[in-house]
């Protein structure tokens, strides 16, 4: 991720934080990440560039479309990010660092863990 992308990513995280009235700790807990790590991603001066594991954990934990989270493309609503609307969107299941395999369709329909 380039510096501009990292800053844009941080701004999208700030947008989610404000819209959902979340603390940094709440965001981190939902994503299975440490508070300090989330603070580094939220930094407006020198944001840390997240790796793929962290991006997946944030997308699932905050229930946002990865394309929007990383690139600002499309809607943040993951339910609107389907293969026929958003190329490259995640569907089915993904692996996260702390929760193992997550079936996104089940999580979105309320039947996941």
Protein backbone atom coordinates (compact mmCIF):
# COMPACT_ATOMS: atom_id res chain seq x y z
CA UNK A 1 0.00 0.00 0.00
CA UNK A 2 1.41 3.41 -0.85
CA UNK A 3 1.50 6.24 1.64
CA UNK A 4 -1.54 7.86 0.00
CA UNK A 5 -3.47 4.59 0.20
CA UNK A 6 -2.48 4.17 3.85
CA UNK A 7 -3.74 7.68 4.65
CA UNK A 8 -6.98 7.07 2.73
CA UNK A 9 -7.41 3.75 4.56
CA UNK A 10 -6.93 5.54 7.90
CA UNK A 11 -9.56 8.11 6.93
CA UNK A 12 -12.05 5.36 6.06
CA UNK A 13 -11.40 3.78 9.47
CA UNK A 14 -12.06 7.18 11.08
CA UNK A 15 -15.31 7.42 9.11
CA UNK A 16 -16.42 4.01 10.42
CA UNK A 17 -15.36 4.91 13.96
CA UNK A 18 -17.40 8.13 13.91
CA UNK A 19 -20.46 6.72 12.11
CA UNK A 20 -20.68 3.77 14.48
CA UNK A 21 -19.69 5.72 17.58
CA UNK A 22 -16.93 3.23 18.41
CA UNK A 23 -13.85 3.63 20.55
CA UNK A 24 -10.48 2.44 19.28
CA UNK A 25 -10.66 -0.40 21.81
CA UNK A 26 -14.11 -1.46 20.54
CA UNK A 27 -12.88 -1.42 16.94
CA UNK A 28 -9.83 -3.48 17.87
CA UNK A 29 -11.89 -6.02 19.83
CA UNK A 30 -14.39 -6.49 17.00
CA UNK A 31 -11.49 -7.16 14.63
CA UNK A 32 -9.48 -9.36 16.97
CA UNK A 33 -6.58 -6.90 16.89
CA UNK A 34 -4.67 -5.15 19.64
CA UNK A 35 -5.63 -1.58 20.58
CA UNK A 36 -2.15 -0.25 19.76
CA UNK A 37 -2.23 -1.91 16.35
CA UNK A 38 -5.61 -0.29 15.57
CA UNK A 39 -4.25 3.07 16.75
CA UNK A 40 -1.38 2.66 14.29
CA UNK A 41 -3.83 2.05 11.42
CA UNK A 42 -5.87 5.10 12.51
CA UNK A 43 -2.87 7.45 12.69
CA UNK A 44 -3.42 10.56 10.59
CA UNK A 45 0.28 11.48 10.55
CA UNK A 46 2.00 8.18 9.74
CA UNK A 47 -0.51 5.34 9.46
CA UNK A 48 0.78 1.79 9.51
CA UNK A 49 0.07 -0.15 6.34
CA UNK A 50 -2.02 -3.22 7.23
CA UNK A 51 -1.21 -6.64 5.81
CA UNK A 52 -3.75 -8.97 4.24
CA UNK A 53 -4.54 -10.75 7.52
CA UNK A 54 -5.31 -7.43 9.21
CA UNK A 55 -7.37 -6.19 6.25
CA UNK A 56 -9.46 -9.36 6.30
CA UNK A 57 -9.92 -9.16 10.08
CA UNK A 58 -11.01 -5.50 9.85
CA UNK A 59 -13.39 -6.13 6.95
CA UNK A 60 -15.04 -9.02 8.79
CA UNK A 61 -14.92 -7.45 12.26
CA UNK A 62 -16.45 -4.16 11.11
CA UNK A 63 -18.60 -5.84 8.45
CA UNK A 64 -17.44 -3.65 5.59
CA UNK A 65 -16.68 -4.46 1.97
CA UNK A 66 -12.94 -4.97 1.46
CA UNK A 67 -12.95 -3.02 -1.82
CA UNK A 68 -14.33 0.00 -0.01
CA UNK A 69 -12.04 -0.45 2.97
CA UNK A 70 -8.83 -0.65 0.92
CA UNK A 71 -9.62 1.42 -2.19
CA UNK A 72 -12.77 3.40 -1.42
CA UNK A 73 -14.59 1.62 -4.28
CA UNK A 74 -18.31 0.93 -4.02
CA UNK A 75 -20.36 0.79 -0.86
CA UNK A 76 -18.99 0.06 2.62
CA UNK A 77 -22.00 -2.25 3.14
CA UNK A 78 -20.64 -5.78 2.68
CA UNK A 79 -24.10 -7.07 1.77
CA UNK A 80 -23.97 -4.91 -1.37
CA UNK A 81 -20.55 -6.27 -2.37
CA UNK A 82 -21.51 -9.33 -4.37
CA UNK A 83 -19.59 -10.90 -7.26
CA UNK A 84 -22.05 -9.60 -9.83
CA UNK A 85 -21.76 -6.03 -8.53
CA UNK A 86 -18.18 -5.66 -7.28
CA UNK A 87 -15.42 -7.66 -8.94
CA UNK A 88 -13.05 -9.22 -6.44
CA UNK A 89 -15.36 -8.94 -3.44
CA UNK A 90 -15.10 -11.66 -0.83
CA UNK A 91 -17.90 -14.20 -0.57
CA UNK A 92 -18.11 -17.56 1.07
CA UNK A 93 -15.45 -17.94 3.74
CA UNK A 94 -12.12 -16.44 4.68
CA UNK A 95 -9.48 -17.17 7.29
CA UNK A 96 -8.77 -14.67 10.07
CA UNK A 97 -5.89 -14.70 12.56
CA UNK A 98 -7.91 -15.38 15.69
CA UNK A 99 -11.30 -16.76 14.63
CA UNK A 100 -10.19 -19.30 12.02
CA UNK A 101 -12.54 -19.91 9.09
CA UNK A 102 -15.42 -17.47 8.92
CA UNK A 103 -18.37 -18.11 6.63
CA UNK A 104 -19.29 -14.59 5.57
CA UNK A 105 -22.71 -15.57 4.29
CA UNK A 106 -23.59 -17.07 7.70
CA UNK A 107 -22.12 -14.08 9.58
CA UNK A 108 -24.12 -11.64 7.44
CA UNK A 109 -27.34 -13.58 7.94
CA UNK A 110 -26.87 -13.70 11.70
CA UNK A 111 -26.26 -17.43 11.94
CA UNK A 112 -22.47 -17.26 12.32
CA UNK A 113 -20.54 -17.37 15.59
